Amino acid sequence: MGIPAEKYRYHDHEKLAHYANAATDIEFQFPFGFKELEGIHSRTDFDLSRHSEFSGKKLQYFDTELNESYTPYVIETSIGVDRTFLAIFSHALKDETLSDGSVRTVLSLPAKLAPYKAAILPLVKKDGLPEKAREIMDMLKYDYMVQYDEKDAIGRRYRRQDAIGTPFCITIDNDTLQDNSVTVRHRDTMQQDRVSIDQLKGFLAKNM
C-alpha cells in the first residue's frame, strides 16, 4: 500500500492471556509515534478444545503423515479499517517545497487506492477543447473513475488534483485537435508525457 518497511515494527507481548502462548503487535510510525496497527495472537488449542468439551463433538484433525490426531491451534489477527486508513493517509499526505520555492500539498496514494484515477483538463474553455475533453472522459469513465475540471488556470487545477491524490492529469490542448494526443502529467514526479488518445487506456492500465 505504498508504505516502506521501516515504518513498521513488531512489539511482542510480555503478559499473555491465559489461553495464549504468543502475541505480538505490528506497529506503525504515525506522526504522533508508533501505535498498534494489527494484533496477532496464538490462542493455542483453547478455543476448539473448550468447544469440543461443552458440545461433546470431536474437533480434531487427523494428520496422515504423522498418523496422529490433534486439536488445531487458532491464530487470531485483528486489524482495523480506520487505523489502516489513517496510516496510509498520514504517510501519503505531505507538503513539498518545489524548485521555485513554492509549496504544494500532495496526497501520494498508490494509484490503485486513489479515489480518482485521472483528471480530464481542457487547457482553455474554448476552441473545441472542452468538447474533445468530454469525448476522452466518455471513453475512460467506464474503466476508471475520472474527474472533469475546466475551472481556473491549469497550474491551479494540477494543485487541486495533487491534494486529493489523483495520480494522472490528462490535459487537452490545441495540439490535441491536430495530432490526437494529450499531455499526461504524473502526480508524484510532475513529469509530463505525450500520449496518443487511442493509447490512453493502455497507458493508465500499465501505470496503475
N, C-alpha and C. Protein backbone atom coordinates (compact mmCIF):
# COMPACT_ATOMS: atom_id res chain seq x y z
N MET A 1 0.82 -1.21 0.00
CA MET A 1 0.00 0.00 0.00
C MET A 1 0.86 1.27 0.00
N GLY A 2 2.11 1.12 -0.42
CA GLY A 2 2.97 2.27 -0.59
C GLY A 2 3.73 2.69 0.65
N ILE A 3 3.69 1.90 1.71
CA ILE A 3 4.38 2.26 2.95
C ILE A 3 5.65 1.42 3.10
N PRO A 4 6.82 2.04 3.28
CA PRO A 4 8.08 1.28 3.38
C PRO A 4 8.18 0.49 4.68
N ALA A 5 8.99 -0.56 4.64
CA ALA A 5 9.10 -1.47 5.79
C ALA A 5 9.61 -0.77 7.05
N GLU A 6 10.43 0.27 6.89
CA GLU A 6 10.99 0.92 8.08
C GLU A 6 9.94 1.69 8.88
N LYS A 7 8.74 1.84 8.34
CA LYS A 7 7.66 2.50 9.07
C LYS A 7 6.96 1.54 10.04
N TYR A 8 7.31 0.25 9.98
CA TYR A 8 6.67 -0.74 10.83
C TYR A 8 7.66 -1.31 11.86
N ARG A 9 7.14 -1.80 12.95
CA ARG A 9 7.96 -2.57 13.89
C ARG A 9 7.05 -3.56 14.61
N TYR A 10 7.68 -4.61 15.20
CA TYR A 10 6.94 -5.63 15.96
C TYR A 10 7.11 -5.38 17.45
N HIS A 11 6.03 -5.57 18.17
CA HIS A 11 6.08 -5.44 19.63
C HIS A 11 5.52 -6.71 20.24
N ASP A 12 6.38 -7.51 20.85
CA ASP A 12 5.96 -8.78 21.48
C ASP A 12 5.38 -8.51 22.86
N HIS A 13 4.28 -9.19 23.16
CA HIS A 13 3.64 -9.04 24.47
C HIS A 13 4.40 -9.84 25.52
N GLU A 14 4.63 -9.23 26.66
CA GLU A 14 5.23 -9.95 27.79
C GLU A 14 4.15 -10.62 28.63
N LYS A 15 3.04 -9.94 28.83
CA LYS A 15 1.93 -10.51 29.57
C LYS A 15 0.93 -11.10 28.58
N LEU A 16 0.62 -12.35 28.75
CA LEU A 16 -0.26 -13.06 27.81
C LEU A 16 -1.56 -13.46 28.49
N ALA A 17 -2.60 -13.54 27.70
CA ALA A 17 -3.87 -14.08 28.19
C ALA A 17 -3.66 -15.55 28.56
N HIS A 18 -4.51 -16.09 29.42
CA HIS A 18 -4.31 -17.45 29.93
C HIS A 18 -4.35 -18.50 28.82
N TYR A 19 -5.01 -18.19 27.70
CA TYR A 19 -5.15 -19.17 26.62
C TYR A 19 -4.07 -19.03 25.55
N ALA A 20 -3.23 -18.01 25.66
CA ALA A 20 -2.27 -17.72 24.58
C ALA A 20 -0.87 -18.19 24.94
N ASN A 21 -0.10 -18.54 23.91
CA ASN A 21 1.31 -18.84 24.13
C ASN A 21 2.23 -17.86 23.42
N ALA A 22 1.65 -16.93 22.65
CA ALA A 22 2.43 -15.89 21.98
C ALA A 22 1.48 -14.80 21.51
N ALA A 23 1.98 -13.58 21.51
CA ALA A 23 1.19 -12.45 20.99
C ALA A 23 2.14 -11.35 20.58
N THR A 24 1.84 -10.72 19.48
CA THR A 24 2.67 -9.60 19.01
C THR A 24 1.79 -8.59 18.30
N ASP A 25 2.21 -7.35 18.33
CA ASP A 25 1.53 -6.28 17.60
C ASP A 25 2.42 -5.80 16.47
N ILE A 26 1.81 -5.49 15.33
CA ILE A 26 2.51 -4.76 14.28
C ILE A 26 2.18 -3.30 14.49
N GLU A 27 3.21 -2.48 14.72
CA GLU A 27 3.01 -1.07 14.99
C GLU A 27 3.46 -0.23 13.80
N PHE A 28 2.77 0.89 13.59
CA PHE A 28 3.10 1.80 12.50
C PHE A 28 3.55 3.13 13.08
N GLN A 29 4.51 3.75 12.42
CA GLN A 29 5.02 5.04 12.89
C GLN A 29 4.13 6.18 12.38
N PHE A 30 3.11 6.49 13.17
CA PHE A 30 2.26 7.63 12.87
C PHE A 30 3.02 8.93 13.15
N PRO A 31 2.53 10.07 12.72
CA PRO A 31 3.20 11.33 13.05
C PRO A 31 3.31 11.56 14.56
N PHE A 32 2.44 10.92 15.34
CA PHE A 32 2.47 11.06 16.80
C PHE A 32 3.15 9.89 17.49
N GLY A 33 3.89 9.07 16.73
CA GLY A 33 4.65 7.96 17.31
C GLY A 33 4.14 6.60 16.86
N PHE A 34 4.85 5.54 17.29
CA PHE A 34 4.45 4.18 16.94
C PHE A 34 3.20 3.77 17.71
N LYS A 35 2.20 3.30 16.96
CA LYS A 35 0.97 2.81 17.56
C LYS A 35 0.55 1.52 16.86
N GLU A 36 -0.25 0.72 17.59
CA GLU A 36 -0.66 -0.59 17.05
C GLU A 36 -1.49 -0.44 15.77
N LEU A 37 -1.11 -1.24 14.79
CA LEU A 37 -1.87 -1.31 13.55
C LEU A 37 -2.61 -2.64 13.46
N GLU A 38 -1.96 -3.70 13.94
CA GLU A 38 -2.55 -5.04 13.87
C GLU A 38 -2.07 -5.86 15.06
N GLY A 39 -2.98 -6.62 15.65
CA GLY A 39 -2.62 -7.53 16.74
C GLY A 39 -2.73 -8.98 16.28
N ILE A 40 -1.73 -9.80 16.66
CA ILE A 40 -1.71 -11.21 16.27
C ILE A 40 -1.51 -12.06 17.53
N HIS A 41 -2.41 -13.01 17.74
CA HIS A 41 -2.36 -13.82 18.96
C HIS A 41 -2.46 -15.31 18.62
N SER A 42 -1.61 -16.09 19.22
CA SER A 42 -1.72 -17.55 19.15
C SER A 42 -2.55 -18.02 20.33
N ARG A 43 -3.77 -18.46 20.04
CA ARG A 43 -4.71 -18.86 21.10
C ARG A 43 -4.57 -20.34 21.46
N THR A 44 -3.54 -21.01 20.93
CA THR A 44 -3.29 -22.44 21.10
C THR A 44 -4.55 -23.23 20.72
N ASP A 45 -4.79 -24.35 21.39
CA ASP A 45 -5.97 -25.15 21.05
C ASP A 45 -7.14 -24.87 22.01
N PHE A 46 -7.04 -23.72 22.71
CA PHE A 46 -8.02 -23.38 23.73
C PHE A 46 -9.45 -23.34 23.16
N ASP A 47 -9.65 -22.64 22.05
CA ASP A 47 -10.99 -22.43 21.52
C ASP A 47 -11.66 -23.74 21.13
N LEU A 48 -10.96 -24.53 20.33
CA LEU A 48 -11.57 -25.77 19.84
C LEU A 48 -11.68 -26.82 20.94
N SER A 49 -10.73 -26.83 21.86
CA SER A 49 -10.80 -27.79 22.97
C SER A 49 -12.00 -27.50 23.86
N ARG A 50 -12.22 -26.22 24.18
CA ARG A 50 -13.35 -25.85 25.02
C ARG A 50 -14.67 -26.12 24.30
N HIS A 51 -14.70 -25.79 23.00
CA HIS A 51 -15.92 -26.03 22.24
C HIS A 51 -16.23 -27.54 22.20
N SER A 52 -15.18 -28.32 22.03
CA SER A 52 -15.35 -29.76 21.99
C SER A 52 -15.84 -30.29 23.34
N GLU A 53 -15.27 -29.72 24.40
CA GLU A 53 -15.61 -30.16 25.75
C GLU A 53 -17.10 -29.94 26.05
N PHE A 54 -17.63 -28.80 25.67
CA PHE A 54 -19.00 -28.46 26.03
C PHE A 54 -20.03 -28.90 24.99
N SER A 55 -19.59 -29.13 23.77
CA SER A 55 -20.53 -29.58 22.74
C SER A 55 -20.58 -31.10 22.63
N GLY A 56 -19.54 -31.74 23.14
CA GLY A 56 -19.47 -33.19 23.04
C GLY A 56 -19.07 -33.67 21.64
N LYS A 57 -18.63 -32.74 20.81
CA LYS A 57 -18.22 -33.07 19.45
C LYS A 57 -16.70 -33.09 19.36
N LYS A 58 -16.18 -34.09 18.67
CA LYS A 58 -14.73 -34.20 18.49
C LYS A 58 -14.30 -33.23 17.39
N LEU A 59 -13.39 -32.35 17.72
CA LEU A 59 -12.93 -31.33 16.76
C LEU A 59 -11.43 -31.48 16.54
N GLN A 60 -11.03 -32.67 16.15
CA GLN A 60 -9.61 -32.93 15.93
C GLN A 60 -9.34 -33.17 14.44
N TYR A 61 -8.08 -32.98 14.10
CA TYR A 61 -7.63 -33.19 12.73
C TYR A 61 -6.70 -34.40 12.70
N PHE A 62 -6.92 -35.30 11.75
CA PHE A 62 -6.04 -36.46 11.64
C PHE A 62 -4.98 -36.18 10.58
N ASP A 63 -3.74 -36.20 11.00
CA ASP A 63 -2.61 -35.95 10.12
C ASP A 63 -2.11 -37.29 9.57
N THR A 64 -2.30 -37.51 8.28
CA THR A 64 -1.93 -38.81 7.69
C THR A 64 -0.42 -39.01 7.66
N GLU A 65 0.35 -37.92 7.60
CA GLU A 65 1.81 -38.06 7.57
C GLU A 65 2.34 -38.45 8.94
N LEU A 66 1.78 -37.83 9.98
CA LEU A 66 2.22 -38.15 11.34
C LEU A 66 1.46 -39.34 11.93
N ASN A 67 0.35 -39.68 11.26
CA ASN A 67 -0.50 -40.78 11.73
C ASN A 67 -1.00 -40.53 13.16
N GLU A 68 -1.44 -39.29 13.39
CA GLU A 68 -1.97 -38.95 14.70
C GLU A 68 -3.01 -37.84 14.58
N SER A 69 -3.85 -37.73 15.60
CA SER A 69 -4.88 -36.69 15.65
C SER A 69 -4.47 -35.60 16.63
N TYR A 70 -4.86 -34.39 16.32
CA TYR A 70 -4.61 -33.30 17.26
C TYR A 70 -5.66 -32.21 17.07
N THR A 71 -5.82 -31.39 18.10
CA THR A 71 -6.72 -30.24 18.04
C THR A 71 -5.95 -29.05 17.49
N PRO A 72 -6.37 -28.47 16.39
CA PRO A 72 -5.61 -27.37 15.77
C PRO A 72 -5.57 -26.13 16.65
N TYR A 73 -4.49 -25.39 16.49
CA TYR A 73 -4.36 -24.08 17.13
C TYR A 73 -5.14 -23.04 16.31
N VAL A 74 -5.54 -21.99 16.98
CA VAL A 74 -6.18 -20.86 16.30
C VAL A 74 -5.25 -19.65 16.40
N ILE A 75 -4.95 -19.05 15.24
CA ILE A 75 -4.19 -17.80 15.20
C ILE A 75 -5.18 -16.68 14.92
N GLU A 76 -5.30 -15.78 15.87
CA GLU A 76 -6.25 -14.67 15.76
C GLU A 76 -5.51 -13.41 15.36
N THR A 77 -5.97 -12.76 14.30
CA THR A 77 -5.39 -11.48 13.90
C THR A 77 -6.49 -10.44 13.83
N SER A 78 -6.17 -9.23 14.22
CA SER A 78 -7.16 -8.16 14.26
C SER A 78 -6.54 -6.89 13.70
N ILE A 79 -7.16 -6.38 12.63
CA ILE A 79 -6.68 -5.12 12.06
C ILE A 79 -7.90 -4.27 11.70
N GLY A 80 -7.85 -3.00 12.05
CA GLY A 80 -8.99 -2.13 11.84
C GLY A 80 -8.88 -1.34 10.55
N VAL A 81 -10.00 -1.17 9.86
CA VAL A 81 -10.02 -0.37 8.64
C VAL A 81 -9.68 1.09 8.95
N ASP A 82 -10.19 1.60 10.07
CA ASP A 82 -9.97 3.01 10.38
C ASP A 82 -8.49 3.31 10.61
N ARG A 83 -7.80 2.45 11.37
CA ARG A 83 -6.39 2.73 11.64
C ARG A 83 -5.52 2.49 10.40
N THR A 84 -5.94 1.53 9.57
CA THR A 84 -5.21 1.30 8.31
C THR A 84 -5.35 2.51 7.40
N PHE A 85 -6.56 3.05 7.30
CA PHE A 85 -6.79 4.25 6.51
C PHE A 85 -5.93 5.40 7.02
N LEU A 86 -5.91 5.57 8.34
CA LEU A 86 -5.13 6.66 8.94
C LEU A 86 -3.64 6.49 8.65
N ALA A 87 -3.15 5.26 8.69
CA ALA A 87 -1.73 5.00 8.40
C ALA A 87 -1.40 5.37 6.96
N ILE A 88 -2.22 4.91 6.02
CA ILE A 88 -1.98 5.19 4.61
C ILE A 88 -2.07 6.69 4.35
N PHE A 89 -3.09 7.33 4.91
CA PHE A 89 -3.33 8.75 4.68
C PHE A 89 -2.21 9.59 5.27
N SER A 90 -1.80 9.28 6.50
CA SER A 90 -0.77 10.09 7.16
C SER A 90 0.59 9.93 6.49
N HIS A 91 0.84 8.75 5.91
CA HIS A 91 2.10 8.56 5.19
C HIS A 91 2.09 9.27 3.84
N ALA A 92 0.93 9.30 3.19
CA ALA A 92 0.86 9.83 1.82
C ALA A 92 0.75 11.35 1.77
N LEU A 93 0.17 11.97 2.80
CA LEU A 93 -0.08 13.41 2.77
C LEU A 93 1.17 14.18 3.16
N LYS A 94 1.60 15.08 2.30
CA LYS A 94 2.83 15.84 2.58
C LYS A 94 2.80 17.19 1.88
N ASP A 95 3.60 18.10 2.39
CA ASP A 95 3.85 19.39 1.74
C ASP A 95 5.24 19.35 1.14
N GLU A 96 5.35 19.63 -0.14
CA GLU A 96 6.63 19.60 -0.85
C GLU A 96 7.03 21.01 -1.27
N THR A 97 8.29 21.37 -1.01
CA THR A 97 8.82 22.63 -1.50
C THR A 97 9.46 22.38 -2.86
N LEU A 98 8.98 23.10 -3.87
CA LEU A 98 9.44 22.91 -5.23
C LEU A 98 10.65 23.78 -5.53
N SER A 99 11.25 23.57 -6.70
CA SER A 99 12.48 24.28 -7.06
C SER A 99 12.30 25.79 -7.14
N ASP A 100 11.08 26.26 -7.41
CA ASP A 100 10.84 27.70 -7.48
C ASP A 100 10.47 28.31 -6.13
N GLY A 101 10.54 27.48 -5.08
CA GLY A 101 10.25 27.96 -3.74
C GLY A 101 8.81 27.83 -3.32
N SER A 102 7.92 27.51 -4.25
CA SER A 102 6.51 27.33 -3.91
C SER A 102 6.31 25.99 -3.21
N VAL A 103 5.19 25.87 -2.51
CA VAL A 103 4.89 24.65 -1.75
C VAL A 103 3.61 24.05 -2.31
N ARG A 104 3.63 22.75 -2.55
CA ARG A 104 2.41 22.08 -2.98
C ARG A 104 2.04 21.02 -1.96
N THR A 105 0.76 20.85 -1.74
CA THR A 105 0.24 19.76 -0.91
C THR A 105 -0.10 18.61 -1.83
N VAL A 106 0.46 17.44 -1.54
CA VAL A 106 0.25 16.28 -2.41
C VAL A 106 -0.10 15.07 -1.56
N LEU A 107 -1.10 14.32 -2.03
CA LEU A 107 -1.51 13.08 -1.38
C LEU A 107 -1.02 11.93 -2.26
N SER A 108 0.15 11.39 -1.93
CA SER A 108 0.81 10.41 -2.79
C SER A 108 0.29 8.99 -2.54
N LEU A 109 -1.00 8.81 -2.74
CA LEU A 109 -1.58 7.48 -2.60
C LEU A 109 -1.12 6.58 -3.75
N PRO A 110 -0.92 5.28 -3.50
CA PRO A 110 -0.73 4.37 -4.62
C PRO A 110 -1.90 4.50 -5.57
N ALA A 111 -1.62 4.44 -6.87
CA ALA A 111 -2.67 4.68 -7.87
C ALA A 111 -3.88 3.76 -7.66
N LYS A 112 -3.63 2.52 -7.23
CA LYS A 112 -4.74 1.58 -7.06
C LYS A 112 -5.66 1.95 -5.90
N LEU A 113 -5.19 2.82 -4.98
CA LEU A 113 -6.01 3.24 -3.85
C LEU A 113 -6.62 4.63 -4.05
N ALA A 114 -6.15 5.37 -5.02
CA ALA A 114 -6.64 6.74 -5.23
C ALA A 114 -8.11 6.73 -5.64
N PRO A 115 -8.94 7.59 -5.05
CA PRO A 115 -10.36 7.64 -5.43
C PRO A 115 -10.56 7.96 -6.90
N TYR A 116 -9.90 9.01 -7.38
CA TYR A 116 -9.94 9.34 -8.80
C TYR A 116 -8.63 8.89 -9.44
N LYS A 117 -8.73 8.23 -10.57
CA LYS A 117 -7.53 7.74 -11.26
C LYS A 117 -6.94 8.78 -12.19
N ALA A 118 -7.78 9.63 -12.76
CA ALA A 118 -7.29 10.66 -13.68
C ALA A 118 -8.24 11.84 -13.69
N ALA A 119 -7.68 13.02 -13.99
CA ALA A 119 -8.47 14.22 -14.18
C ALA A 119 -8.36 14.63 -15.65
N ILE A 120 -9.48 15.02 -16.24
CA ILE A 120 -9.52 15.43 -17.63
C ILE A 120 -9.59 16.95 -17.65
N LEU A 121 -8.57 17.60 -18.22
CA LEU A 121 -8.43 19.04 -18.12
C LEU A 121 -8.25 19.69 -19.48
N PRO A 122 -9.28 20.33 -20.03
CA PRO A 122 -9.06 21.14 -21.24
C PRO A 122 -8.24 22.37 -20.87
N LEU A 123 -7.25 22.70 -21.68
CA LEU A 123 -6.36 23.81 -21.34
C LEU A 123 -7.13 25.12 -21.21
N VAL A 124 -8.07 25.35 -22.12
CA VAL A 124 -8.92 26.54 -22.07
C VAL A 124 -10.37 26.13 -22.33
N LYS A 125 -11.29 27.02 -21.99
CA LYS A 125 -12.72 26.71 -22.16
C LYS A 125 -13.25 27.20 -23.51
N LYS A 126 -12.51 26.96 -24.56
CA LYS A 126 -12.95 27.40 -25.89
C LYS A 126 -12.19 26.60 -26.95
N ASP A 127 -12.42 26.95 -28.20
CA ASP A 127 -11.70 26.36 -29.34
C ASP A 127 -11.95 24.87 -29.51
N GLY A 128 -13.05 24.37 -28.96
CA GLY A 128 -13.37 22.95 -29.11
C GLY A 128 -12.67 22.04 -28.13
N LEU A 129 -11.87 22.61 -27.22
CA LEU A 129 -11.13 21.77 -26.27
C LEU A 129 -12.05 21.11 -25.23
N PRO A 130 -13.03 21.83 -24.67
CA PRO A 130 -13.94 21.15 -23.73
C PRO A 130 -14.68 19.98 -24.37
N GLU A 131 -15.09 20.15 -25.62
CA GLU A 131 -15.81 19.08 -26.31
C GLU A 131 -14.92 17.85 -26.49
N LYS A 132 -13.67 18.09 -26.87
CA LYS A 132 -12.72 16.97 -27.03
C LYS A 132 -12.44 16.32 -25.68
N ALA A 133 -12.34 17.13 -24.64
CA ALA A 133 -12.10 16.59 -23.30
C ALA A 133 -13.25 15.70 -22.86
N ARG A 134 -14.48 16.11 -23.17
CA ARG A 134 -15.64 15.30 -22.81
C ARG A 134 -15.64 13.97 -23.55
N GLU A 135 -15.19 13.98 -24.80
CA GLU A 135 -15.07 12.73 -25.55
C GLU A 135 -14.11 11.76 -24.86
N ILE A 136 -12.98 12.30 -24.41
CA ILE A 136 -11.99 11.46 -23.73
C ILE A 136 -12.54 10.94 -22.40
N MET A 137 -13.26 11.80 -21.69
CA MET A 137 -13.86 11.37 -20.43
C MET A 137 -14.87 10.24 -20.68
N ASP A 138 -15.68 10.38 -21.72
CA ASP A 138 -16.65 9.33 -22.03
C ASP A 138 -15.95 8.02 -22.40
N MET A 139 -14.76 8.12 -23.01
CA MET A 139 -14.02 6.92 -23.39
C MET A 139 -13.46 6.19 -22.16
N LEU A 140 -13.09 6.96 -21.13
CA LEU A 140 -12.40 6.37 -19.97
C LEU A 140 -13.33 6.04 -18.80
N LYS A 141 -14.48 6.67 -18.73
CA LYS A 141 -15.27 6.63 -17.49
C LYS A 141 -15.84 5.26 -17.15
N TYR A 142 -15.91 4.36 -18.10
CA TYR A 142 -16.43 3.01 -17.79
C TYR A 142 -15.34 2.10 -17.22
N ASP A 143 -14.09 2.49 -17.38
CA ASP A 143 -12.97 1.69 -16.86
C ASP A 143 -12.30 2.33 -15.65
N TYR A 144 -12.39 3.66 -15.55
CA TYR A 144 -11.69 4.37 -14.48
C TYR A 144 -12.58 5.47 -13.91
N MET A 145 -12.41 5.73 -12.61
CA MET A 145 -13.07 6.87 -12.01
C MET A 145 -12.29 8.11 -12.41
N VAL A 146 -12.91 8.97 -13.20
CA VAL A 146 -12.23 10.16 -13.70
C VAL A 146 -13.04 11.40 -13.33
N GLN A 147 -12.35 12.55 -13.34
CA GLN A 147 -12.98 13.80 -12.97
C GLN A 147 -12.70 14.84 -14.05
N TYR A 148 -13.71 15.63 -14.38
CA TYR A 148 -13.55 16.70 -15.37
C TYR A 148 -13.42 18.03 -14.63
N ASP A 149 -12.47 18.87 -15.06
CA ASP A 149 -12.26 20.16 -14.40
C ASP A 149 -11.78 21.17 -15.42
N GLU A 150 -12.52 22.26 -15.57
CA GLU A 150 -12.12 23.30 -16.52
C GLU A 150 -12.00 24.67 -15.85
N LYS A 151 -12.14 24.71 -14.52
CA LYS A 151 -12.13 25.97 -13.78
C LYS A 151 -10.71 26.35 -13.36
N ASP A 152 -10.34 27.63 -13.54
CA ASP A 152 -9.06 28.20 -13.13
C ASP A 152 -7.94 27.83 -14.10
N ALA A 153 -6.77 28.41 -13.86
CA ALA A 153 -5.59 28.14 -14.67
C ALA A 153 -5.16 26.69 -14.48
N ILE A 154 -4.46 26.17 -15.48
CA ILE A 154 -4.09 24.75 -15.46
C ILE A 154 -3.22 24.41 -14.24
N GLY A 155 -2.33 25.33 -13.84
CA GLY A 155 -1.47 25.07 -12.68
C GLY A 155 -2.27 24.89 -11.39
N ARG A 156 -3.30 25.70 -11.23
CA ARG A 156 -4.14 25.59 -10.03
C ARG A 156 -4.94 24.30 -10.06
N ARG A 157 -5.34 23.89 -11.24
CA ARG A 157 -6.06 22.61 -11.34
C ARG A 157 -5.14 21.44 -11.01
N TYR A 158 -3.89 21.52 -11.47
CA TYR A 158 -2.92 20.48 -11.11
C TYR A 158 -2.79 20.38 -9.59
N ARG A 159 -2.70 21.52 -8.93
CA ARG A 159 -2.53 21.53 -7.47
C ARG A 159 -3.75 20.92 -6.78
N ARG A 160 -4.93 21.20 -7.28
CA ARG A 160 -6.14 20.62 -6.68
C ARG A 160 -6.11 19.10 -6.78
N GLN A 161 -5.72 18.61 -7.94
CA GLN A 161 -5.68 17.16 -8.13
C GLN A 161 -4.57 16.52 -7.30
N ASP A 162 -3.43 17.22 -7.15
CA ASP A 162 -2.36 16.72 -6.27
C ASP A 162 -2.87 16.53 -4.85
N ALA A 163 -3.66 17.49 -4.39
CA ALA A 163 -4.11 17.49 -2.99
C ALA A 163 -5.12 16.39 -2.70
N ILE A 164 -5.84 15.92 -3.72
CA ILE A 164 -6.82 14.83 -3.48
C ILE A 164 -6.27 13.48 -3.94
N GLY A 165 -5.02 13.46 -4.40
CA GLY A 165 -4.36 12.18 -4.68
C GLY A 165 -4.56 11.62 -6.08
N THR A 166 -5.05 12.41 -7.03
CA THR A 166 -5.26 11.92 -8.39
C THR A 166 -3.92 11.63 -9.06
N PRO A 167 -3.64 10.39 -9.47
CA PRO A 167 -2.32 10.04 -9.99
C PRO A 167 -1.96 10.71 -11.31
N PHE A 168 -2.97 10.95 -12.18
CA PHE A 168 -2.68 11.45 -13.52
C PHE A 168 -3.62 12.59 -13.90
N CYS A 169 -3.05 13.60 -14.53
CA CYS A 169 -3.85 14.67 -15.12
C CYS A 169 -3.66 14.61 -16.63
N ILE A 170 -4.77 14.57 -17.34
CA ILE A 170 -4.76 14.48 -18.80
C ILE A 170 -5.19 15.83 -19.36
N THR A 171 -4.23 16.53 -19.99
CA THR A 171 -4.50 17.88 -20.49
C THR A 171 -4.73 17.86 -21.99
N ILE A 172 -5.83 18.48 -22.37
CA ILE A 172 -6.20 18.60 -23.79
C ILE A 172 -5.86 20.02 -24.23
N ASP A 173 -4.98 20.16 -25.24
CA ASP A 173 -4.57 21.49 -25.70
C ASP A 173 -4.87 21.61 -27.20
N ASN A 174 -4.44 22.73 -27.79
CA ASN A 174 -4.72 22.96 -29.20
C ASN A 174 -4.06 21.93 -30.11
N ASP A 175 -2.91 21.40 -29.69
CA ASP A 175 -2.24 20.38 -30.50
C ASP A 175 -3.05 19.08 -30.53
N THR A 176 -3.85 18.85 -29.49
CA THR A 176 -4.65 17.62 -29.44
C THR A 176 -5.55 17.51 -30.66
N LEU A 177 -6.10 18.63 -31.09
CA LEU A 177 -7.01 18.62 -32.24
C LEU A 177 -6.28 18.31 -33.54
N GLN A 178 -4.95 18.49 -33.53
CA GLN A 178 -4.16 18.24 -34.74
C GLN A 178 -3.54 16.84 -34.74
N ASP A 179 -2.97 16.43 -33.59
CA ASP A 179 -2.21 15.16 -33.56
C ASP A 179 -2.91 14.05 -32.78
N ASN A 180 -4.11 14.34 -32.23
CA ASN A 180 -4.89 13.34 -31.49
C ASN A 180 -4.11 12.75 -30.31
N SER A 181 -3.33 13.60 -29.65
CA SER A 181 -2.59 13.17 -28.47
C SER A 181 -2.82 14.18 -27.34
N VAL A 182 -2.51 13.76 -26.13
CA VAL A 182 -2.72 14.59 -24.94
C VAL A 182 -1.46 14.58 -24.09
N THR A 183 -1.39 15.51 -23.16
CA THR A 183 -0.29 15.53 -22.20
C THR A 183 -0.75 14.87 -20.90
N VAL A 184 -0.02 13.85 -20.47
CA VAL A 184 -0.35 13.18 -19.21
C VAL A 184 0.71 13.57 -18.17
N ARG A 185 0.25 14.17 -17.10
CA ARG A 185 1.14 14.61 -16.01
C ARG A 185 1.07 13.63 -14.86
N HIS A 186 2.24 13.21 -14.38
CA HIS A 186 2.34 12.28 -13.24
C HIS A 186 2.34 13.09 -11.94
N ARG A 187 1.48 12.72 -11.03
CA ARG A 187 1.34 13.45 -9.77
C ARG A 187 2.63 13.54 -8.98
N ASP A 188 3.30 12.41 -8.77
CA ASP A 188 4.43 12.37 -7.83
C ASP A 188 5.69 13.03 -8.40
N THR A 189 5.97 12.82 -9.68
CA THR A 189 7.19 13.38 -10.28
C THR A 189 6.91 14.67 -11.04
N MET A 190 5.67 14.94 -11.36
CA MET A 190 5.25 16.07 -12.19
C MET A 190 5.80 15.97 -13.61
N GLN A 191 6.32 14.79 -13.95
CA GLN A 191 6.77 14.54 -15.33
C GLN A 191 5.57 14.56 -16.27
N GLN A 192 5.78 15.00 -17.49
CA GLN A 192 4.70 15.06 -18.47
C GLN A 192 5.07 14.24 -19.70
N ASP A 193 4.14 13.38 -20.12
CA ASP A 193 4.33 12.53 -21.30
C ASP A 193 3.26 12.86 -22.33
N ARG A 194 3.68 12.83 -23.58
CA ARG A 194 2.71 13.00 -24.66
C ARG A 194 2.23 11.61 -25.07
N VAL A 195 0.91 11.40 -24.99
CA VAL A 195 0.34 10.07 -25.22
C VAL A 195 -0.79 10.19 -26.24
N SER A 196 -0.79 9.28 -27.20
CA SER A 196 -1.88 9.24 -28.18
C SER A 196 -3.18 8.86 -27.48
N ILE A 197 -4.28 9.48 -27.90
CA ILE A 197 -5.56 9.21 -27.24
C ILE A 197 -5.94 7.74 -27.34
N ASP A 198 -5.64 7.10 -28.46
CA ASP A 198 -6.02 5.69 -28.60
C ASP A 198 -5.16 4.77 -27.75
N GLN A 199 -4.11 5.30 -27.12
CA GLN A 199 -3.27 4.50 -26.24
C GLN A 199 -3.46 4.85 -24.76
N LEU A 200 -4.40 5.75 -24.48
CA LEU A 200 -4.59 6.21 -23.10
C LEU A 200 -5.00 5.09 -22.15
N LYS A 201 -5.94 4.26 -22.57
CA LYS A 201 -6.38 3.17 -21.70
C LYS A 201 -5.22 2.25 -21.33
N GLY A 202 -4.42 1.89 -22.32
CA GLY A 202 -3.28 1.04 -22.07
C GLY A 202 -2.25 1.71 -21.19
N PHE A 203 -2.05 3.01 -21.37
CA PHE A 203 -1.10 3.78 -20.54
C PHE A 203 -1.55 3.75 -19.08
N LEU A 204 -2.82 4.03 -18.84
CA LEU A 204 -3.32 4.05 -17.45
C LEU A 204 -3.27 2.65 -16.84
N ALA A 205 -3.64 1.64 -17.61
CA ALA A 205 -3.60 0.27 -17.08
C ALA A 205 -2.18 -0.12 -16.69
N LYS A 206 -1.21 0.27 -17.48
CA LYS A 206 0.19 -0.08 -17.21
C LYS A 206 0.72 0.62 -15.98
N ASN A 207 0.22 1.81 -15.69
CA ASN A 207 0.76 2.63 -14.60
C ASN A 207 -0.09 2.60 -13.33
N MET A 208 -1.15 1.80 -13.30
CA MET A 208 -1.97 1.71 -12.09
C MET A 208 -1.33 0.77 -11.06
